[in-house]
Structure formats: C-alpha cells, structure tokens
Amino acid sequence: MPESKTDKLTDTADLQLIREAAAEAGKIALRYYGKDPEVWLKNGQSPVSEADLAVDRFLQEFLLQARPDYGWISEETATDEQRTGRKRAFVVDPIDGTRAFLAGDNQWCVSIAVIEDAKPRCGVLDVPVRKEVLTAVRGQGAFQNGKAISAQLPDDGSSYPVAMSRSHFNELPEGFRSKVAFASYVPSLAYRIAKVGRSELAGTFVRGGAHDWDLAAADLLLSEAGGKLLTLEGQALSYGIVNGPAMSQKPFSHDVLVAAVAGFDNEMLSVVRQLLSGHSNA
C-alpha cells in the first residue's frame, strides 16, 4: 500500500518531536557524564547508571505526554501491557553505549525511533559530546547536522574498513581478509551502524542478542543512507513483534546480523555469512 500524505506529515511531526526530546535527553545525560554516577548491574553483567534512568524517565514523560496513543519500548522501562498493540510506538535507548559513557568515551548517544507495522518510520541519534545529530525519515534520506549522508564503499581500490572482533578478523578466509581492514571497536552499537551510514565503515557485525532499542533508529539511518542491515538469510528486521502482532519490550533477541552498505557484493556477503554462522558474538 502506498504511503499517504497523512503518513508523511505524521513522520515529519514525529521526527521534530523526537529530535527535541533527544536534544534535551542529551543535556540531562551530560549532567552525569564524567562525574562518577551510581551504577548497577542488570542480570549481573550489563551496567545501568543513574544517568540512564534519569534520561529514560524524562523521555517517557515527555514523549508519551505528546503522543499518549503511542506504545513504548525502552531498554530501561518495565513492560506496560496496556501499551502493547498500539499502531505506533517509541523505541528508546536512553544511553546507547553506557560502558563508553561511564568510561568517559565520547562515542555514546541517545537513540529514539518511531515504529509502525514493525518498521521504523523516523529515527534520531543524538551524540551530545561530539555535537552530532543524525536523523532519518522513511523515504526522505538520512542526515547528520542537516547534511545528507551516504553509505558507500571505497572506490579507490583501498581495503574495506569493517568493525569486528579481532578473533573474527583472524579467521577470515585469506582471499577475503586482503580486502578488509580491521576497524577498532565502537562501544555504541547504534553509533557504529551510523558510521557505516556515513561511509566511515564499510560494514560491521552485530552481536546476537541485540534488541529493538539497539537497532531501530540506526537501521533506518543506514537504510536511508543507502545501506542495509540484514540477517544472515538476507532478510530485513522487524520491530516490536513477539510471537504475534502485539508490540512488546520483552527482551527477545534478533539473530546474528550483518550491516552492509550498498555495493557490498553477494560473494563477500556470502563469505561473511559462512564466517558468522558458527559464532554468537561480534
């Protein structure tokens, strides 16, 4: 079904809203940045700080006050069953890259997307310390600080910079390894995918167990920049669906993924799939 004028107007209005929300959320996070905030461990291994919780509280109040009929999916908020099954939903990671945030690294961001029918309609990554704001609306391109970005492979014969673990790089087939340059780790998954969208990386591997809030906004940014975020079977991702049409924030996992820019040829993608098929981490 073709998109209606109403859909496009709604997308534009939603982008304006989430940009405003992300900008304020970034300011809240900066109040804690470099100041040793209190930290807890989720499930004994994943850190969450008082900054994450403060940002999440603000976003939930601000966004749902503006759009009370939207659903809500967030890394830091308990499931609200009354909000499942809504036509549109916010998908939020208050601070994507919490470990980087706590370590004083500047590669963390506020990530917000709006999804409908399991697909992102608009998204924003606000990277406060670096003063970068990346935005996308479905069908309207991807931008950084108002300037269009594009996912392209090097055309000068140089190797492709790909973000991966060192163990993955060492196990690449020799013929493939010569085409790939090892790129250092980027703590924030969303920001790492955005780097693919602006051609700083040719691609990246995504760890099995990634959630909607890790991926929704970055997925749209990458696709609108001309790239792709695909499963090993070459399929696009769906968001907000668990065993049926109802939206949920239960901690379900996507399969191991490959983020590949346009032009990442089928032969190379096939090799990457073979390589990842026996691994759970990237």
C-alpha atoms as a PDB file:
ATOM      1  CA  MET A   1       0.000   0.000   0.000  1.00  0.00           C
ATOM      2  CA  PRO A   2       1.463   3.400  -0.977  1.00  0.00           C
ATOM      3  CA  GLU A   3       2.234   5.860   1.770  1.00  0.00           C
ATOM      4  CA  SER A   4      -0.391   8.536   2.303  1.00  0.00           C
ATOM      5  CA  LYS A   5       0.175  12.252   2.683  1.00  0.00           C
ATOM      6  CA  THR A   6      -1.029  11.875   6.264  1.00  0.00           C
ATOM      7  CA  ASP A   7       1.681   9.270   6.965  1.00  0.00           C
ATOM      8  CA  LYS A   8       4.392  11.612   5.691  1.00  0.00           C
ATOM      9  CA  LEU A   9       3.072  14.546   7.698  1.00  0.00           C
ATOM     10  CA  THR A  10       2.948  12.357  10.796  1.00  0.00           C
ATOM     11  CA  ASP A  11       6.511  11.162  10.204  1.00  0.00           C
ATOM     12  CA  THR A  12       7.762  14.745   9.865  1.00  0.00           C
ATOM     13  CA  ALA A  13       5.984  15.817  13.042  1.00  0.00           C
ATOM     14  CA  ASP A  14       7.264  12.771  14.911  1.00  0.00           C
ATOM     15  CA  LEU A  15      10.839  13.466  13.819  1.00  0.00           C
ATOM     16  CA  GLN A  16      10.607  17.016  15.097  1.00  0.00           C
ATOM     17  CA  LEU A  17       9.299  15.694  18.410  1.00  0.00           C
ATOM     18  CA  ILE A  18      11.960  13.032  18.905  1.00  0.00           C
ATOM     19  CA  ARG A  19      14.744  15.433  17.863  1.00  0.00           C
ATOM     20  CA  GLU A  20      13.618  17.831  20.564  1.00  0.00           C
ATOM     21  CA  ALA A  21      13.360  15.005  23.070  1.00  0.00           C
ATOM     22  CA  ALA A  22      16.796  13.609  22.208  1.00  0.00           C
ATOM     23  CA  ALA A  23      18.432  17.021  22.475  1.00  0.00           C
ATOM     24  CA  GLU A  24      17.064  17.552  25.974  1.00  0.00           C
ATOM     25  CA  ALA A  25      17.873  13.969  26.940  1.00  0.00           C
ATOM     26  CA  GLY A  26      21.474  14.550  25.885  1.00  0.00           C
ATOM     27  CA  LYS A  27      21.659  17.588  28.167  1.00  0.00           C
ATOM     28  CA  ILE A  28      20.380  15.503  31.069  1.00  0.00           C
ATOM     29  CA  ALA A  29      22.953  12.785  30.385  1.00  0.00           C
ATOM     30  CA  LEU A  30      25.766  15.341  30.271  1.00  0.00           C
ATOM     31  CA  ARG A  31      24.973  16.379  33.844  1.00  0.00           C
ATOM     32  CA  TYR A  32      26.242  12.941  34.885  1.00  0.00           C
ATOM     33  CA  TYR A  33      28.987  12.499  32.285  1.00  0.00           C
ATOM     34  CA  GLY A  34      32.457  12.342  33.845  1.00  0.00           C
ATOM     35  CA  LYS A  35      31.007  12.671  37.353  1.00  0.00           C
ATOM     36  CA  ASP A  36      31.040   9.035  38.526  1.00  0.00           C
ATOM     37  CA  PRO A  37      27.288   8.354  38.593  1.00  0.00           C
ATOM     38  CA  GLU A  38      25.892   5.472  40.608  1.00  0.00           C
ATOM     39  CA  VAL A  39      25.913   2.193  38.654  1.00  0.00           C
ATOM     40  CA  TRP A  40      24.102  -1.125  38.983  1.00  0.00           C
ATOM     41  CA  LEU A  41      24.415  -4.373  37.027  1.00  0.00           C
ATOM     42  CA  LYS A  42      21.439  -5.802  35.140  1.00  0.00           C
ATOM     43  CA  ASN A  43      21.406  -9.589  35.034  1.00  0.00           C
ATOM     44  CA  GLY A  44      24.787  -9.484  36.723  1.00  0.00           C
ATOM     45  CA  GLN A  45      26.671  -8.187  33.702  1.00  0.00           C
ATOM     46  CA  SER A  46      25.163  -5.191  31.887  1.00  0.00           C
ATOM     47  CA  PRO A  47      25.679  -1.802  33.573  1.00  0.00           C
ATOM     48  CA  VAL A  48      22.914   0.729  34.047  1.00  0.00           C
ATOM     49  CA  SER A  49      23.605   4.095  35.665  1.00  0.00           C
ATOM     50  CA  GLU A  50      21.501   6.722  37.338  1.00  0.00           C
ATOM     51  CA  ALA A  51      22.031   8.739  34.154  1.00  0.00           C
ATOM     52  CA  ASP A  52      20.320   6.039  32.043  1.00  0.00           C
ATOM     53  CA  LEU A  53      17.354   6.028  34.416  1.00  0.00           C
ATOM     54  CA  ALA A  54      17.075   9.816  34.579  1.00  0.00           C
ATOM     55  CA  VAL A  55      17.096  10.100  30.792  1.00  0.00           C
ATOM     56  CA  ASP A  56      14.558   7.293  30.456  1.00  0.00           C
ATOM     57  CA  ARG A  57      12.176   8.949  32.931  1.00  0.00           C
ATOM     58  CA  PHE A  58      12.350  12.235  31.042  1.00  0.00           C
ATOM     59  CA  LEU A  59      11.809  10.620  27.648  1.00  0.00           C
ATOM     60  CA  GLN A  60       8.870   8.538  28.779  1.00  0.00           C
ATOM     61  CA  GLU A  61       7.107  11.528  30.327  1.00  0.00           C
ATOM     62  CA  PHE A  62       7.903  13.952  27.501  1.00  0.00           C
ATOM     63  CA  LEU A  63       7.131  11.658  24.575  1.00  0.00           C
ATOM     64  CA  LEU A  64       4.004   9.976  25.942  1.00  0.00           C
ATOM     65  CA  GLN A  65       2.564  13.276  27.037  1.00  0.00           C
ATOM     66  CA  ALA A  66       2.930  14.445  23.435  1.00  0.00           C
ATOM     67  CA  ARG A  67       1.705  11.131  21.930  1.00  0.00           C
ATOM     68  CA  PRO A  68      -0.449   9.373  24.558  1.00  0.00           C
ATOM     69  CA  ASP A  69      -1.752   6.881  21.979  1.00  0.00           C
ATOM     70  CA  TYR A  70       1.741   5.538  21.122  1.00  0.00           C
ATOM     71  CA  GLY A  71       3.311   2.398  22.510  1.00  0.00           C
ATOM     72  CA  TRP A  72       6.557   2.421  24.472  1.00  0.00           C
ATOM     73  CA  ILE A  73       9.586   0.129  24.132  1.00  0.00           C
ATOM     74  CA  SER A  74      12.658   1.053  26.162  1.00  0.00           C
ATOM     75  CA  GLU A  75      15.704  -0.728  27.495  1.00  0.00           C
ATOM     76  CA  GLU A  76      15.220   0.699  30.974  1.00  0.00           C
ATOM     77  CA  THR A  77      11.436   0.632  31.487  1.00  0.00           C
ATOM     78  CA  ALA A  78       9.351  -2.280  32.735  1.00  0.00           C
ATOM     79  CA  THR A  79       6.736  -3.658  30.345  1.00  0.00           C
ATOM     80  CA  ASP A  80       3.449  -1.739  30.267  1.00  0.00           C
ATOM     81  CA  GLU A  81       0.996  -4.276  28.890  1.00  0.00           C
ATOM     82  CA  GLN A  82      -1.592  -1.538  28.338  1.00  0.00           C
ATOM     83  CA  ARG A  83       0.679  -0.102  25.664  1.00  0.00           C
ATOM     84  CA  THR A  84       1.102  -3.227  23.586  1.00  0.00           C
ATOM     85  CA  GLY A  85      -0.644  -3.394  20.259  1.00  0.00           C
ATOM     86  CA  ARG A  86      -0.565   0.355  19.579  1.00  0.00           C
ATOM     87  CA  LYS A  87      -0.342   1.395  15.930  1.00  0.00           C
ATOM     88  CA  ARG A  88       2.843   3.389  16.517  1.00  0.00           C
ATOM     89  CA  ALA A  89       5.427   3.089  19.260  1.00  0.00           C
ATOM     90  CA  PHE A  90       8.529   4.841  20.501  1.00  0.00           C
ATOM     91  CA  VAL A  91      11.631   2.640  20.671  1.00  0.00           C
ATOM     92  CA  VAL A  92      14.177   4.170  23.030  1.00  0.00           C
ATOM     93  CA  ASP A  93      17.685   3.561  24.285  1.00  0.00           C
ATOM     94  CA  PRO A  94      18.296   6.404  26.768  1.00  0.00           C
ATOM     95  CA  ILE A  95      22.075   5.989  26.538  1.00  0.00           C
ATOM     96  CA  ASP A  96      23.326   3.602  23.886  1.00  0.00           C
ATOM     97  CA  GLY A  97      26.881   2.771  24.880  1.00  0.00           C
ATOM     98  CA  THR A  98      26.583   3.004  28.669  1.00  0.00           C
ATOM     99  CA  ARG A  99      30.027   1.481  29.167  1.00  0.00           C
ATOM    100  CA  ALA A 100      31.533   4.177  26.936  1.00  0.00           C
ATOM    101  CA  PHE A 101      29.574   6.842  28.810  1.00  0.00           C
ATOM    102  CA  LEU A 102      30.897   5.622  32.159  1.00  0.00           C
ATOM    103  CA  ALA A 103      34.471   5.393  30.845  1.00  0.00           C
ATOM    104  CA  GLY A 104      34.471   8.970  29.560  1.00  0.00           C
ATOM    105  CA  ASP A 105      34.449   7.894  25.900  1.00  0.00           C
ATOM    106  CA  ASN A 106      32.525  10.289  23.635  1.00  0.00           C
ATOM    107  CA  GLN A 107      31.037   7.565  21.399  1.00  0.00           C
ATOM    108  CA  TRP A 108      27.623   7.172  23.054  1.00  0.00           C
ATOM    109  CA  CYS A 109      24.247   8.502  22.018  1.00  0.00           C
ATOM    110  CA  VAL A 110      20.564   8.899  22.773  1.00  0.00           C
ATOM    111  CA  SER A 111      18.640   6.686  20.345  1.00  0.00           C
ATOM    112  CA  ILE A 112      14.936   7.149  19.562  1.00  0.00           C
ATOM    113  CA  ALA A 113      12.811   5.675  16.773  1.00  0.00           C
ATOM    114  CA  VAL A 114       9.125   5.598  15.953  1.00  0.00           C
ATOM    115  CA  ILE A 115       7.911   2.301  14.525  1.00  0.00           C
ATOM    116  CA  GLU A 116       4.704   1.333  12.745  1.00  0.00           C
ATOM    117  CA  ASP A 117       3.786  -2.059  11.290  1.00  0.00           C
ATOM    118  CA  ALA A 118       7.090  -3.447  12.645  1.00  0.00           C
ATOM    119  CA  LYS A 119       9.206  -0.954  10.667  1.00  0.00           C
ATOM    120  CA  PRO A 120      10.918   2.295  11.752  1.00  0.00           C
ATOM    121  CA  ARG A 121       9.306   5.421  10.337  1.00  0.00           C
ATOM    122  CA  CYS A 122      11.665   8.034  11.745  1.00  0.00           C
ATOM    123  CA  GLY A 123      14.726   7.991  13.963  1.00  0.00           C
ATOM    124  CA  VAL A 124      17.340  10.123  15.653  1.00  0.00           C
ATOM    125  CA  LEU A 125      20.737   9.511  17.224  1.00  0.00           C
ATOM    126  CA  ASP A 126      21.915  12.442  19.307  1.00  0.00           C
ATOM    127  CA  VAL A 127      25.630  12.266  20.167  1.00  0.00           C
ATOM    128  CA  PRO A 128      25.972  15.086  22.725  1.00  0.00           C
ATOM    129  CA  VAL A 129      29.714  15.168  23.384  1.00  0.00           C
ATOM    130  CA  ARG A 130      30.538  15.105  19.678  1.00  0.00           C
ATOM    131  CA  LYS A 131      27.717  17.554  18.848  1.00  0.00           C
ATOM    132  CA  GLU A 132      26.362  15.244  16.145  1.00  0.00           C
ATOM    133  CA  VAL A 133      22.677  14.749  15.414  1.00  0.00           C
ATOM    134  CA  LEU A 134      21.801  12.015  12.915  1.00  0.00           C
ATOM    135  CA  THR A 135      18.239  11.853  11.620  1.00  0.00           C
ATOM    136  CA  ALA A 136      16.173   9.894   9.129  1.00  0.00           C
ATOM    137  CA  VAL A 137      12.585   9.691   7.943  1.00  0.00           C
ATOM    138  CA  ARG A 138      11.417   6.779   5.848  1.00  0.00           C
ATOM    139  CA  GLY A 139      11.737   7.646   2.185  1.00  0.00           C
ATOM    140  CA  GLN A 140      13.394  11.004   2.840  1.00  0.00           C
ATOM    141  CA  GLY A 141      17.087  10.193   3.277  1.00  0.00           C
ATOM    142  CA  ALA A 142      19.498  10.324   6.208  1.00  0.00           C
ATOM    143  CA  PHE A 143      21.262  13.395   7.557  1.00  0.00           C
ATOM    144  CA  GLN A 144      23.917  14.485  10.029  1.00  0.00           C
ATOM    145  CA  ASN A 145      23.530  18.023  11.348  1.00  0.00           C
ATOM    146  CA  GLY A 146      21.324  18.770   8.361  1.00  0.00           C
ATOM    147  CA  LYS A 147      23.738  17.439   5.719  1.00  0.00           C
ATOM    148  CA  ALA A 148      22.851  14.323   3.733  1.00  0.00           C
ATOM    149  CA  ILE A 149      24.951  11.219   4.424  1.00  0.00           C
ATOM    150  CA  SER A 150      25.550   8.264   2.134  1.00  0.00           C
ATOM    151  CA  ALA A 151      26.790   4.721   2.668  1.00  0.00           C
ATOM    152  CA  GLN A 152      29.404   3.964   0.031  1.00  0.00           C
ATOM    153  CA  LEU A 153      32.270   1.567  -0.387  1.00  0.00           C
ATOM    154  CA  PRO A 154      35.767   2.872  -1.143  1.00  0.00           C
ATOM    155  CA  ASP A 155      36.179   3.234  -4.906  1.00  0.00           C
ATOM    156  CA  ASP A 156      39.909   3.858  -4.917  1.00  0.00           C
ATOM    157  CA  GLY A 157      40.943   0.235  -4.561  1.00  0.00           C
ATOM    158  CA  SER A 158      41.609   0.529  -0.842  1.00  0.00           C
ATOM    159  CA  SER A 159      40.501  -2.175   1.581  1.00  0.00           C
ATOM    160  CA  TYR A 160      37.099  -2.094   3.245  1.00  0.00           C
ATOM    161  CA  PRO A 161      37.160  -0.988   6.914  1.00  0.00           C
ATOM    162  CA  VAL A 162      34.904  -3.391   8.828  1.00  0.00           C
ATOM    163  CA  ALA A 163      34.237  -3.239  12.574  1.00  0.00           C
ATOM    164  CA  MET A 164      34.595  -6.707  14.074  1.00  0.00           C
ATOM    165  CA  SER A 165      36.259  -8.598  16.862  1.00  0.00           C
ATOM    166  CA  ARG A 166      39.934  -9.418  16.404  1.00  0.00           C
ATOM    167  CA  SER A 167      39.103 -13.133  16.528  1.00  0.00           C
ATOM    168  CA  HIS A 168      36.690 -12.745  13.620  1.00  0.00           C
ATOM    169  CA  PHE A 169      39.292 -10.868  11.618  1.00  0.00           C
ATOM    170  CA  ASN A 170      41.914 -13.540  12.234  1.00  0.00           C
ATOM    171  CA  GLU A 171      39.516 -16.224  10.984  1.00  0.00           C
ATOM    172  CA  LEU A 172      38.637 -14.522   7.712  1.00  0.00           C
ATOM    173  CA  PRO A 173      39.498 -16.548   4.603  1.00  0.00           C
ATOM    174  CA  GLU A 174      42.793 -15.315   3.176  1.00  0.00           C
ATOM    175  CA  GLY A 175      41.285 -14.063  -0.072  1.00  0.00           C
ATOM    176  CA  PHE A 176      38.661 -12.084   1.811  1.00  0.00           C
ATOM    177  CA  ARG A 177      40.999 -10.801   4.515  1.00  0.00           C
ATOM    178  CA  SER A 178      43.098  -8.974   1.951  1.00  0.00           C
ATOM    179  CA  LYS A 179      40.048  -6.879   1.052  1.00  0.00           C
ATOM    180  CA  VAL A 180      39.193  -5.957   4.628  1.00  0.00           C
ATOM    181  CA  ALA A 181      40.811  -3.535   7.054  1.00  0.00           C
ATOM    182  CA  PHE A 182      40.263  -4.188  10.749  1.00  0.00           C
ATOM    183  CA  ALA A 183      38.403  -1.244  12.316  1.00  0.00           C
ATOM    184  CA  SER A 184      38.620  -0.600  16.034  1.00  0.00           C
ATOM    185  CA  TYR A 185      35.658  -1.282  18.281  1.00  0.00           C
ATOM    186  CA  VAL A 186      32.945   1.371  18.675  1.00  0.00           C
ATOM    187  CA  PRO A 187      31.206   0.918  22.045  1.00  0.00           C
ATOM    188  CA  SER A 188      27.769   2.152  20.957  1.00  0.00           C
ATOM    189  CA  LEU A 189      26.153  -0.260  18.515  1.00  0.00           C
ATOM    190  CA  ALA A 190      23.804   2.397  17.134  1.00  0.00           C
ATOM    191  CA  TYR A 191      26.682   4.807  16.563  1.00  0.00           C
ATOM    192  CA  ARG A 192      28.774   2.069  14.950  1.00  0.00           C
ATOM    193  CA  ILE A 193      25.981   1.400  12.449  1.00  0.00           C
ATOM    194  CA  ALA A 194      25.691   5.151  11.836  1.00  0.00           C
ATOM    195  CA  LYS A 195      29.374   5.141  10.901  1.00  0.00           C
ATOM    196  CA  VAL A 196      28.515   2.668   8.172  1.00  0.00           C
ATOM    197  CA  GLY A 197      25.786   5.043   7.052  1.00  0.00           C
ATOM    198  CA  ARG A 198      28.257   7.878   6.622  1.00  0.00           C
ATOM    199  CA  SER A 199      30.916   5.725   4.941  1.00  0.00           C
ATOM    200  CA  GLU A 200      33.442   5.684   7.783  1.00  0.00           C
ATOM    201  CA  LEU A 201      32.988   1.919   7.911  1.00  0.00           C
ATOM    202  CA  ALA A 202      32.230  -0.425   5.046  1.00  0.00           C
ATOM    203  CA  GLY A 203      30.312  -2.660   7.418  1.00  0.00           C
ATOM    204  CA  THR A 204      30.021  -4.106  10.873  1.00  0.00           C
ATOM    205  CA  PHE A 205      28.943  -7.314  12.521  1.00  0.00           C
ATOM    206  CA  VAL A 206      26.158  -7.147  15.101  1.00  0.00           C
ATOM    207  CA  ARG A 207      26.116  -9.384  18.128  1.00  0.00           C
ATOM    208  CA  GLY A 208      23.406 -11.992  18.523  1.00  0.00           C
ATOM    209  CA  GLY A 209      21.017 -10.882  21.252  1.00  0.00           C
ATOM    210  CA  ALA A 210      20.685  -7.277  20.071  1.00  0.00           C
ATOM    211  CA  HIS A 211      17.307  -5.730  20.898  1.00  0.00           C
ATOM    212  CA  ASP A 212      14.894  -3.344  19.226  1.00  0.00           C
ATOM    213  CA  TRP A 213      16.207  -0.355  21.172  1.00  0.00           C
ATOM    214  CA  ASP A 214      19.756  -1.101  19.988  1.00  0.00           C
ATOM    215  CA  LEU A 215      18.831  -1.167  16.334  1.00  0.00           C
ATOM    216  CA  ALA A 216      15.602   0.536  15.236  1.00  0.00           C
ATOM    217  CA  ALA A 217      16.836   4.116  14.783  1.00  0.00           C
ATOM    218  CA  ALA A 218      20.231   3.070  13.391  1.00  0.00           C
ATOM    219  CA  ASP A 219      18.605   0.602  10.997  1.00  0.00           C
ATOM    220  CA  LEU A 220      16.521   3.389   9.446  1.00  0.00           C
ATOM    221  CA  LEU A 221      19.522   5.724   9.251  1.00  0.00           C
ATOM    222  CA  LEU A 222      21.551   3.083   7.446  1.00  0.00           C
ATOM    223  CA  SER A 223      18.803   2.118   5.008  1.00  0.00           C
ATOM    224  CA  GLU A 224      18.018   5.748   4.185  1.00  0.00           C
ATOM    225  CA  ALA A 225      21.734   6.323   3.572  1.00  0.00           C
ATOM    226  CA  GLY A 226      21.705   3.508   1.017  1.00  0.00           C
ATOM    227  CA  GLY A 227      22.947   0.654   3.189  1.00  0.00           C
ATOM    228  CA  LYS A 228      21.342  -2.445   4.626  1.00  0.00           C
ATOM    229  CA  LEU A 229      21.045  -4.167   7.984  1.00  0.00           C
ATOM    230  CA  LEU A 230      20.291  -7.809   7.277  1.00  0.00           C
ATOM    231  CA  THR A 231      20.022 -11.177   8.927  1.00  0.00           C
ATOM    232  CA  LEU A 232      22.335 -13.923   7.735  1.00  0.00           C
ATOM    233  CA  GLU A 233      19.479 -15.031   5.482  1.00  0.00           C
ATOM    234  CA  GLY A 234      19.453 -11.599   3.861  1.00  0.00           C
ATOM    235  CA  GLN A 235      16.177 -10.520   5.441  1.00  0.00           C
ATOM    236  CA  ALA A 236      15.291  -7.100   6.840  1.00  0.00           C
ATOM    237  CA  LEU A 237      14.441  -6.806  10.533  1.00  0.00           C
ATOM    238  CA  SER A 238      11.062  -6.347  12.177  1.00  0.00           C
ATOM    239  CA  TYR A 239      10.498  -4.435  15.394  1.00  0.00           C
ATOM    240  CA  GLY A 240       8.026  -4.582  18.249  1.00  0.00           C
ATOM    241  CA  ILE A 241       6.748  -8.073  17.464  1.00  0.00           C
ATOM    242  CA  VAL A 242       6.957 -11.111  19.733  1.00  0.00           C
ATOM    243  CA  ASN A 243       5.018 -14.208  18.685  1.00  0.00           C
ATOM    244  CA  GLY A 244       2.344 -12.157  17.005  1.00  0.00           C
ATOM    245  CA  PRO A 245       1.318  -8.621  16.093  1.00  0.00           C
ATOM    246  CA  ALA A 246       1.366  -7.100  19.577  1.00  0.00           C
ATOM    247  CA  MET A 247       4.231  -4.768  20.336  1.00  0.00           C
ATOM    248  CA  SER A 248       6.289  -5.778  23.337  1.00  0.00           C
ATOM    249  CA  GLN A 249       9.500  -4.823  25.051  1.00  0.00           C
ATOM    250  CA  LYS A 250      10.230  -8.279  26.365  1.00  0.00           C
ATOM    251  CA  PRO A 251      13.960  -8.975  26.000  1.00  0.00           C
ATOM    252  CA  PHE A 252      13.828 -11.050  22.845  1.00  0.00           C
ATOM    253  CA  SER A 253      16.885 -11.312  20.630  1.00  0.00           C
ATOM    254  CA  HIS A 254      17.463 -10.833  16.938  1.00  0.00           C
ATOM    255  CA  ASP A 255      19.691 -13.300  15.118  1.00  0.00           C
ATOM    256  CA  VAL A 256      23.317 -12.501  14.359  1.00  0.00           C
ATOM    257  CA  LEU A 257      23.221  -9.735  11.792  1.00  0.00           C
ATOM    258  CA  VAL A 258      25.348  -8.198   9.111  1.00  0.00           C
ATOM    259  CA  ALA A 259      25.299  -4.448   8.500  1.00  0.00           C
ATOM    260  CA  ALA A 260      26.435  -3.987   4.905  1.00  0.00           C
ATOM    261  CA  VAL A 261      26.487  -0.844   2.796  1.00  0.00           C
ATOM    262  CA  ALA A 262      25.125  -0.762  -0.715  1.00  0.00           C
ATOM    263  CA  GLY A 263      27.618  -2.414  -3.035  1.00  0.00           C
ATOM    264  CA  PHE A 264      28.837  -4.974  -0.505  1.00  0.00           C
ATOM    265  CA  ASP A 265      28.773  -7.673  -3.165  1.00  0.00           C
ATOM    266  CA  ASN A 266      26.999 -11.014  -2.824  1.00  0.00           C
ATOM    267  CA  GLU A 267      30.213 -13.030  -2.876  1.00  0.00           C
ATOM    268  CA  MET A 268      31.656 -11.132   0.069  1.00  0.00           C
ATOM    269  CA  LEU A 269      28.364 -11.228   1.956  1.00  0.00           C
ATOM    270  CA  SER A 270      28.247 -14.982   1.456  1.00  0.00           C
ATOM    271  CA  VAL A 271      31.713 -15.349   2.985  1.00  0.00           C
ATOM    272  CA  VAL A 272      30.682 -13.216   5.959  1.00  0.00           C
ATOM    273  CA  ARG A 273      27.577 -15.347   6.493  1.00  0.00           C
ATOM    274  CA  GLN A 274      29.682 -18.517   6.484  1.00  0.00           C
ATOM    275  CA  LEU A 275      32.107 -16.963   8.901  1.00  0.00           C
ATOM    276  CA  LEU A 276      29.431 -15.855  11.356  1.00  0.00           C
ATOM    277  CA  SER A 277      27.319 -18.989  11.187  1.00  0.00           C
ATOM    278  CA  GLY A 278      29.400 -20.641  13.897  1.00  0.00           C
ATOM    279  CA  HIS A 279      29.739 -17.614  16.170  1.00  0.00           C
ATOM    280  CA  SER A 280      27.429 -15.884  18.634  1.00  0.00           C
ATOM    281  CA  ASN A 281      29.382 -12.697  19.202  1.00  0.00           C
ATOM    282  CA  ALA A 282      30.851  -9.924  17.092  1.00  0.00           C
END
